[in-house]
C-alpha atoms as a PDB file:
ATOM      1  CA  UNK A   1       0.000   0.000   0.000  1.00  0.00           C
ATOM      2  CA  UNK A   2       1.413   3.375  -0.976  1.00  0.00           C
ATOM      3  CA  UNK A   3       1.497   6.416   1.221  1.00  0.00           C
ATOM      4  CA  UNK A   4       0.444   9.926   0.277  1.00  0.00           C
ATOM      5  CA  UNK A   5       4.100  10.927   0.084  1.00  0.00           C
ATOM      6  CA  UNK A   6       4.851   8.147  -2.428  1.00  0.00           C
ATOM      7  CA  UNK A   7       1.859   9.174  -4.555  1.00  0.00           C
ATOM      8  CA  UNK A   8       2.999  12.796  -4.625  1.00  0.00           C
ATOM      9  CA  UNK A   9       6.566  11.763  -5.418  1.00  0.00           C
ATOM     10  CA  UNK A  10       5.350   9.529  -8.270  1.00  0.00           C
ATOM     11  CA  UNK A  11       3.220  12.376  -9.625  1.00  0.00           C
ATOM     12  CA  UNK A  12       6.131  14.846  -9.536  1.00  0.00           C
ATOM     13  CA  UNK A  13       8.481  12.362 -11.238  1.00  0.00           C
ATOM     14  CA  UNK A  14       5.864  11.685 -13.904  1.00  0.00           C
ATOM     15  CA  UNK A  15       5.343  15.418 -14.466  1.00  0.00           C
ATOM     16  CA  UNK A  16       9.090  16.013 -14.812  1.00  0.00           C
ATOM     17  CA  UNK A  17       9.399  13.153 -17.311  1.00  0.00           C
ATOM     18  CA  UNK A  18       6.483  14.578 -19.306  1.00  0.00           C
ATOM     19  CA  UNK A  19       8.041  18.049 -19.388  1.00  0.00           C
ATOM     20  CA  UNK A  20      11.486  16.692 -20.253  1.00  0.00           C
ATOM     21  CA  UNK A  21      10.098  14.788 -23.228  1.00  0.00           C
ATOM     22  CA  UNK A  22       7.425  17.228 -24.405  1.00  0.00           C
ATOM     23  CA  UNK A  23       9.669  20.128 -25.367  1.00  0.00           C
ATOM     24  CA  UNK A  24      12.219  18.151 -27.428  1.00  0.00           C
ATOM     25  CA  UNK A  25       9.404  16.257 -29.161  1.00  0.00           C
ATOM     26  CA  UNK A  26       7.557  19.505 -29.893  1.00  0.00           C
ATOM     27  CA  UNK A  27      10.731  21.015 -31.364  1.00  0.00           C
ATOM     28  CA  UNK A  28      11.149  17.980 -33.628  1.00  0.00           C
ATOM     29  CA  UNK A  29       7.537  18.249 -34.812  1.00  0.00           C
ATOM     30  CA  UNK A  30       8.016  21.963 -35.582  1.00  0.00           C
ATOM     31  CA  UNK A  31      11.191  21.235 -37.565  1.00  0.00           C
ATOM     32  CA  UNK A  32       9.470  18.491 -39.567  1.00  0.00           C
ATOM     33  CA  UNK A  33       6.474  20.748 -40.172  1.00  0.00           C
ATOM     34  CA  UNK A  34       8.478  23.738 -41.421  1.00  0.00           C
ATOM     35  CA  UNK A  35      10.863  21.636 -43.515  1.00  0.00           C
ATOM     36  CA  UNK A  36       7.879  19.913 -45.131  1.00  0.00           C
ATOM     37  CA  UNK A  37       6.546  23.333 -46.198  1.00  0.00           C
ATOM     38  CA  UNK A  38       9.904  24.401 -47.645  1.00  0.00           C
ATOM     39  CA  UNK A  39      10.718  21.082 -49.345  1.00  0.00           C
ATOM     40  CA  UNK A  40       7.238  20.959 -50.914  1.00  0.00           C
ATOM     41  CA  UNK A  41       7.675  24.527 -52.162  1.00  0.00           C
ATOM     42  CA  UNK A  42      11.098  23.596 -53.574  1.00  0.00           C
ATOM     43  CA  UNK A  43       9.713  20.529 -55.362  1.00  0.00           C
ATOM     44  CA  UNK A  44       6.954  22.674 -56.887  1.00  0.00           C
ATOM     45  CA  UNK A  45       9.520  25.213 -58.104  1.00  0.00           C
ATOM     46  CA  UNK A  46       8.405  28.000 -55.760  1.00  0.00           C
ATOM     47  CA  UNK A  47      11.574  28.162 -53.622  1.00  0.00           C
ATOM     48  CA  UNK A  48      15.158  28.088 -54.923  1.00  0.00           C
ATOM     49  CA  UNK A  49      16.508  26.123 -51.908  1.00  0.00           C
ATOM     50  CA  UNK A  50      14.686  23.410 -49.972  1.00  0.00           C
ATOM     51  CA  UNK A  51      16.095  24.164 -46.525  1.00  0.00           C
ATOM     52  CA  UNK A  52      15.793  27.944 -46.302  1.00  0.00           C
ATOM     53  CA  UNK A  53      13.440  28.160 -43.345  1.00  0.00           C
ATOM     54  CA  UNK A  54      13.439  31.003 -40.834  1.00  0.00           C
ATOM     55  CA  UNK A  55      14.803  29.519 -37.623  1.00  0.00           C
ATOM     56  CA  UNK A  56      12.860  30.342 -34.486  1.00  0.00           C
ATOM     57  CA  UNK A  57      13.427  29.850 -30.811  1.00  0.00           C
ATOM     58  CA  UNK A  58      13.529  26.171 -29.768  1.00  0.00           C
ATOM     59  CA  UNK A  59      12.673  27.011 -26.156  1.00  0.00           C
ATOM     60  CA  UNK A  60       9.618  29.207 -26.721  1.00  0.00           C
ATOM     61  CA  UNK A  61       8.625  27.579 -30.044  1.00  0.00           C
ATOM     62  CA  UNK A  62       8.056  31.001 -31.604  1.00  0.00           C
ATOM     63  CA  UNK A  63       9.192  32.912 -34.694  1.00  0.00           C
ATOM     64  CA  UNK A  64       9.435  29.893 -37.005  1.00  0.00           C
ATOM     65  CA  UNK A  65       8.592  30.330 -40.674  1.00  0.00           C
ATOM     66  CA  UNK A  66       8.893  28.043 -43.660  1.00  0.00           C
ATOM     67  CA  UNK A  67      10.266  30.848 -45.810  1.00  0.00           C
ATOM     68  CA  UNK A  68       7.654  30.425 -48.552  1.00  0.00           C
ATOM     69  CA  UNK A  69       6.614  33.732 -50.078  1.00  0.00           C
ATOM     70  CA  UNK A  70       2.868  33.139 -50.182  1.00  0.00           C
ATOM     71  CA  UNK A  71       2.184  36.779 -51.066  1.00  0.00           C
ATOM     72  CA  UNK A  72       4.079  36.279 -54.326  1.00  0.00           C
ATOM     73  CA  UNK A  73       2.029  33.155 -55.068  1.00  0.00           C
ATOM     74  CA  UNK A  74      -1.267  34.899 -54.287  1.00  0.00           C
ATOM     75  CA  UNK A  75      -0.298  37.972 -56.331  1.00  0.00           C
ATOM     76  CA  UNK A  76      -0.023  35.810 -59.439  1.00  0.00           C
ATOM     77  CA  UNK A  77      -3.575  34.588 -58.952  1.00  0.00           C
ATOM     78  CA  UNK A  78      -4.144  30.918 -59.564  1.00  0.00           C
ATOM     79  CA  UNK A  79      -1.039  30.522 -61.662  1.00  0.00           C
ATOM     80  CA  UNK A  80       1.946  28.443 -60.778  1.00  0.00           C
ATOM     81  CA  UNK A  81       3.326  25.086 -61.667  1.00  0.00           C
ATOM     82  CA  UNK A  82       0.342  22.941 -60.689  1.00  0.00           C
ATOM     83  CA  UNK A  83      -2.589  24.993 -61.999  1.00  0.00           C
ATOM     84  CA  UNK A  84      -2.932  27.133 -58.893  1.00  0.00           C
ATOM     85  CA  UNK A  85      -2.733  24.317 -56.384  1.00  0.00           C
ATOM     86  CA  UNK A  86       0.782  25.260 -55.207  1.00  0.00           C
ATOM     87  CA  UNK A  87      -0.460  27.173 -52.165  1.00  0.00           C
ATOM     88  CA  UNK A  88      -2.761  24.323 -51.201  1.00  0.00           C
ATOM     89  CA  UNK A  89      -0.103  21.623 -51.429  1.00  0.00           C
ATOM     90  CA  UNK A  90       2.504  23.721 -49.632  1.00  0.00           C
ATOM     91  CA  UNK A  91       0.108  24.695 -46.851  1.00  0.00           C
ATOM     92  CA  UNK A  92      -1.758  21.456 -46.238  1.00  0.00           C
ATOM     93  CA  UNK A  93       0.887  18.792 -46.775  1.00  0.00           C
ATOM     94  CA  UNK A  94       2.907  19.859 -43.725  1.00  0.00           C
ATOM     95  CA  UNK A  95      -0.150  19.632 -41.488  1.00  0.00           C
ATOM     96  CA  UNK A  96      -0.920  16.137 -42.737  1.00  0.00           C
ATOM     97  CA  UNK A  97       2.693  14.996 -42.338  1.00  0.00           C
ATOM     98  CA  UNK A  98       2.915  16.212 -38.726  1.00  0.00           C
ATOM     99  CA  UNK A  99      -0.590  15.243 -37.612  1.00  0.00           C
ATOM    100  CA  UNK A 100      -0.046  11.538 -38.297  1.00  0.00           C
ATOM    101  CA  UNK A 101       2.771  10.961 -35.758  1.00  0.00           C
ATOM    102  CA  UNK A 102       1.104  13.340 -33.304  1.00  0.00           C
ATOM    103  CA  UNK A 103      -2.156  11.403 -33.466  1.00  0.00           C
ATOM    104  CA  UNK A 104      -0.311   8.093 -33.235  1.00  0.00           C
ATOM    105  CA  UNK A 105       1.646   9.330 -30.230  1.00  0.00           C
ATOM    106  CA  UNK A 106      -1.561  10.412 -28.533  1.00  0.00           C
ATOM    107  CA  UNK A 107      -3.087   7.012 -29.144  1.00  0.00           C
ATOM    108  CA  UNK A 108      -0.016   5.227 -27.765  1.00  0.00           C
ATOM    109  CA  UNK A 109      -0.124   7.453 -24.697  1.00  0.00           C
ATOM    110  CA  UNK A 110      -3.812   6.892 -24.105  1.00  0.00           C
ATOM    111  CA  UNK A 111      -3.896   3.157 -24.714  1.00  0.00           C
ATOM    112  CA  UNK A 112      -0.571   1.805 -23.520  1.00  0.00           C
ATOM    113  CA  UNK A 113       1.070   4.231 -21.091  1.00  0.00           C
ATOM    114  CA  UNK A 114      -2.058   5.206 -19.154  1.00  0.00           C
ATOM    115  CA  UNK A 115      -2.770   1.543 -18.425  1.00  0.00           C
ATOM    116  CA  UNK A 116       0.514   1.275 -16.530  1.00  0.00           C
ATOM    117  CA  UNK A 117       0.515   4.699 -14.860  1.00  0.00           C
ATOM    118  CA  UNK A 118      -2.685   5.480 -12.949  1.00  0.00           C
ATOM    119  CA  UNK A 119      -1.889   9.114 -12.104  1.00  0.00           C
ATOM    120  CA  UNK A 120      -2.813  10.621 -15.526  1.00  0.00           C
ATOM    121  CA  UNK A 121      -6.027   8.593 -15.547  1.00  0.00           C
ATOM    122  CA  UNK A 122      -6.944   9.826 -12.085  1.00  0.00           C
ATOM    123  CA  UNK A 123      -6.091  13.404 -13.090  1.00  0.00           C
ATOM    124  CA  UNK A 124      -8.214  13.143 -16.238  1.00  0.00           C
ATOM    125  CA  UNK A 125     -11.140  11.824 -14.216  1.00  0.00           C
ATOM    126  CA  UNK A 126     -10.786  14.699 -11.743  1.00  0.00           C
ATOM    127  CA  UNK A 127     -10.867  17.286 -14.558  1.00  0.00           C
ATOM    128  CA  UNK A 128     -14.124  15.965 -15.990  1.00  0.00           C
END
């Protein structure tokens, strides 16, 4: 039987592990997302270099940009190399690429990890 102190200690350790893994994983997802925008734009002939993203702050996750000049694409109307679908492919593909591992990771967390660690389940039940 666990004591209140052990429960609190387990919760703090779990929280620290979550924080220590969340930020690096979020930075990786942002990098994949922005590079997908720029590589797609390069493959469609919109950008001269595939890796010319605007680097942001890895700690605050702000000021990132894929470096695609959408205003130039929109100014030309629905022209471009793929009959006006350049903006759509460049904008949507990155969201689809990054949402798949994010959704899978959420499923793994919900189904596998929460079965072995009761604290997040108890916390979720308390929030409802």
